[in-house]
C-alpha atoms as a PDB file:
ATOM      1  CA  UNK A   1      36.804   5.164   0.764  1.00  0.00           C
ATOM      2  CA  UNK A   2      35.203   2.169   2.956  1.00  0.00           C
ATOM      3  CA  UNK A   3      38.084  -0.649   2.533  1.00  0.00           C
ATOM      4  CA  UNK A   4      37.088  -3.852   3.721  1.00  0.00           C
ATOM      5  CA  UNK A   5      38.478  -3.961   6.926  1.00  0.00           C
ATOM      6  CA  UNK A   6      35.642  -1.266   7.397  1.00  0.00           C
ATOM      7  CA  UNK A   7      33.259  -3.949   6.603  1.00  0.00           C
ATOM      8  CA  UNK A   8      32.914  -5.452   9.916  1.00  0.00           C
ATOM      9  CA  UNK A   9      31.973  -1.424  11.602  1.00  0.00           C
ATOM     10  CA  UNK A  10      29.920  -0.822   8.525  1.00  0.00           C
ATOM     11  CA  UNK A  11      27.502  -4.059   9.089  1.00  0.00           C
ATOM     12  CA  UNK A  12      27.714  -3.549  12.587  1.00  0.00           C
ATOM     13  CA  UNK A  13      26.864  -0.188  12.262  1.00  0.00           C
ATOM     14  CA  UNK A  14      23.844  -1.068  10.368  1.00  0.00           C
ATOM     15  CA  UNK A  15      22.458  -3.692  12.732  1.00  0.00           C
ATOM     16  CA  UNK A  16      22.674  -1.057  15.613  1.00  0.00           C
ATOM     17  CA  UNK A  17      20.377   0.950  13.433  1.00  0.00           C
ATOM     18  CA  UNK A  18      17.765  -1.737  12.894  1.00  0.00           C
ATOM     19  CA  UNK A  19      17.832  -2.581  16.472  1.00  0.00           C
ATOM     20  CA  UNK A  20      17.302   1.038  17.328  1.00  0.00           C
ATOM     21  CA  UNK A  21      14.286   1.541  15.261  1.00  0.00           C
ATOM     22  CA  UNK A  22      12.411  -1.652  17.043  1.00  0.00           C
ATOM     23  CA  UNK A  23      11.023  -0.266  19.662  1.00  0.00           C
ATOM     24  CA  UNK A  24       9.180   2.788  17.431  1.00  0.00           C
ATOM     25  CA  UNK A  25       7.897  -0.235  14.926  1.00  0.00           C
ATOM     26  CA  UNK A  26       6.870  -2.085  17.655  1.00  0.00           C
ATOM     27  CA  UNK A  27       4.338   0.358  18.789  1.00  0.00           C
ATOM     28  CA  UNK A  28       2.707   0.980  15.192  1.00  0.00           C
ATOM     29  CA  UNK A  29       2.514  -2.727  14.276  1.00  0.00           C
ATOM     30  CA  UNK A  30       0.982  -3.756  17.866  1.00  0.00           C
ATOM     31  CA  UNK A  31      -1.043  -0.379  17.048  1.00  0.00           C
ATOM     32  CA  UNK A  32      -1.847  -1.257  13.461  1.00  0.00           C
ATOM     33  CA  UNK A  33      -2.809  -4.688  14.359  1.00  0.00           C
ATOM     34  CA  UNK A  34      -5.303  -3.266  16.974  1.00  0.00           C
ATOM     35  CA  UNK A  35      -3.306  -5.171  20.068  1.00  0.00           C
ATOM     36  CA  UNK A  36      -2.366  -1.789  21.623  1.00  0.00           C
ATOM     37  CA  UNK A  37      -4.189   1.377  22.074  1.00  0.00           C
ATOM     38  CA  UNK A  38      -2.070   4.374  20.474  1.00  0.00           C
ATOM     39  CA  UNK A  39      -1.114   6.806  22.618  1.00  0.00           C
ATOM     40  CA  UNK A  40       1.263   9.803  22.467  1.00  0.00           C
ATOM     41  CA  UNK A  41       2.491   9.060  25.296  1.00  0.00           C
ATOM     42  CA  UNK A  42       3.689   5.361  23.780  1.00  0.00           C
ATOM     43  CA  UNK A  43       5.038   7.092  21.104  1.00  0.00           C
ATOM     44  CA  UNK A  44       7.192   9.232  23.311  1.00  0.00           C
ATOM     45  CA  UNK A  45       8.271   6.429  25.263  1.00  0.00           C
ATOM     46  CA  UNK A  46       9.194   4.434  22.088  1.00  0.00           C
ATOM     47  CA  UNK A  47      10.771   7.332  20.724  1.00  0.00           C
ATOM     48  CA  UNK A  48      12.961   8.333  24.083  1.00  0.00           C
ATOM     49  CA  UNK A  49      13.870   4.147  24.608  1.00  0.00           C
ATOM     50  CA  UNK A  50      15.128   4.401  20.993  1.00  0.00           C
ATOM     51  CA  UNK A  51      17.188   7.881  21.634  1.00  0.00           C
ATOM     52  CA  UNK A  52      18.523   6.665  24.894  1.00  0.00           C
ATOM     53  CA  UNK A  53      19.724   3.333  22.942  1.00  0.00           C
ATOM     54  CA  UNK A  54      20.748   4.774  19.689  1.00  0.00           C
ATOM     55  CA  UNK A  55      23.172   7.822  21.265  1.00  0.00           C
ATOM     56  CA  UNK A  56      24.355   4.604  24.525  1.00  0.00           C
ATOM     57  CA  UNK A  57      25.699   2.908  21.106  1.00  0.00           C
ATOM     58  CA  UNK A  58      27.389   5.824  19.326  1.00  0.00           C
ATOM     59  CA  UNK A  59      29.129   6.929  22.486  1.00  0.00           C
ATOM     60  CA  UNK A  60      30.724   3.568  23.262  1.00  0.00           C
ATOM     61  CA  UNK A  61      31.560   2.996  19.784  1.00  0.00           C
ATOM     62  CA  UNK A  62      33.121   6.941  20.190  1.00  0.00           C
ATOM     63  CA  UNK A  63      34.994   5.381  23.389  1.00  0.00           C
ATOM     64  CA  UNK A  64      35.846   2.288  22.353  1.00  0.00           C
ATOM     65  CA  UNK A  65      37.197   3.089  18.661  1.00  0.00           C
ATOM     66  CA  UNK A  66      37.184   6.525  18.043  1.00  0.00           C
ATOM     67  CA  UNK A  67      38.865   5.917  14.542  1.00  0.00           C
ATOM     68  CA  UNK A  68      36.083   3.632  13.012  1.00  0.00           C
ATOM     69  CA  UNK A  69      33.153   6.072  14.092  1.00  0.00           C
ATOM     70  CA  UNK A  70      32.429   7.680  10.869  1.00  0.00           C
ATOM     71  CA  UNK A  71      32.307   3.994   9.169  1.00  0.00           C
ATOM     72  CA  UNK A  72      30.157   3.283  12.096  1.00  0.00           C
ATOM     73  CA  UNK A  73      27.682   6.620  11.621  1.00  0.00           C
ATOM     74  CA  UNK A  74      27.403   5.517   8.578  1.00  0.00           C
ATOM     75  CA  UNK A  75      26.153   2.303   8.902  1.00  0.00           C
ATOM     76  CA  UNK A  76      23.969   3.721  11.628  1.00  0.00           C
ATOM     77  CA  UNK A  77      21.972   6.257   9.462  1.00  0.00           C
ATOM     78  CA  UNK A  78      21.851   3.837   6.742  1.00  0.00           C
ATOM     79  CA  UNK A  79      19.787   0.496   9.050  1.00  0.00           C
ATOM     80  CA  UNK A  80      17.973   3.920  10.985  1.00  0.00           C
ATOM     81  CA  UNK A  81      16.521   5.169   7.556  1.00  0.00           C
ATOM     82  CA  UNK A  82      16.255   1.577   5.783  1.00  0.00           C
ATOM     83  CA  UNK A  83      14.038   0.623   8.477  1.00  0.00           C
ATOM     84  CA  UNK A  84      12.157   4.083   8.300  1.00  0.00           C
ATOM     85  CA  UNK A  85      11.481   3.292   4.918  1.00  0.00           C
ATOM     86  CA  UNK A  86       9.881   0.051   5.564  1.00  0.00           C
ATOM     87  CA  UNK A  87       7.728   1.513   8.263  1.00  0.00           C
ATOM     88  CA  UNK A  88       6.289   3.952   5.467  1.00  0.00           C
ATOM     89  CA  UNK A  89       5.871   1.062   3.141  1.00  0.00           C
ATOM     90  CA  UNK A  90       3.786  -1.494   6.191  1.00  0.00           C
ATOM     91  CA  UNK A  91       2.256   1.775   7.321  1.00  0.00           C
ATOM     92  CA  UNK A  92       0.732   2.642   3.740  1.00  0.00           C
ATOM     93  CA  UNK A  93      -0.158  -0.991   2.746  1.00  0.00           C
ATOM     94  CA  UNK A  94      -3.711  -1.983   3.394  1.00  0.00           C
ATOM     95  CA  UNK A  95      -2.887  -5.455   4.187  1.00  0.00           C
ATOM     96  CA  UNK A  96      -2.412  -5.091   7.506  1.00  0.00           C
END
């Protein structure tokens, strides 16, 4: 169970998850607005940047506070999956 002292770690994990999703969100939104030509290379580069950032953040958390790693990972995945859902909604909308 998440204790009240773990709320900060959970929120930090969510923030890192959201920040780690930004390269992919940027590529999709710029391609949708026709401000950038979508290519597989740009998509793979955004995925690689996201992966490196997220794994570096997870490794840093493991090195700094291994006892809080599980709570951080829960927030991390929660933030990432929420952003994934947001991107799906944005992509399926016809307004953009």
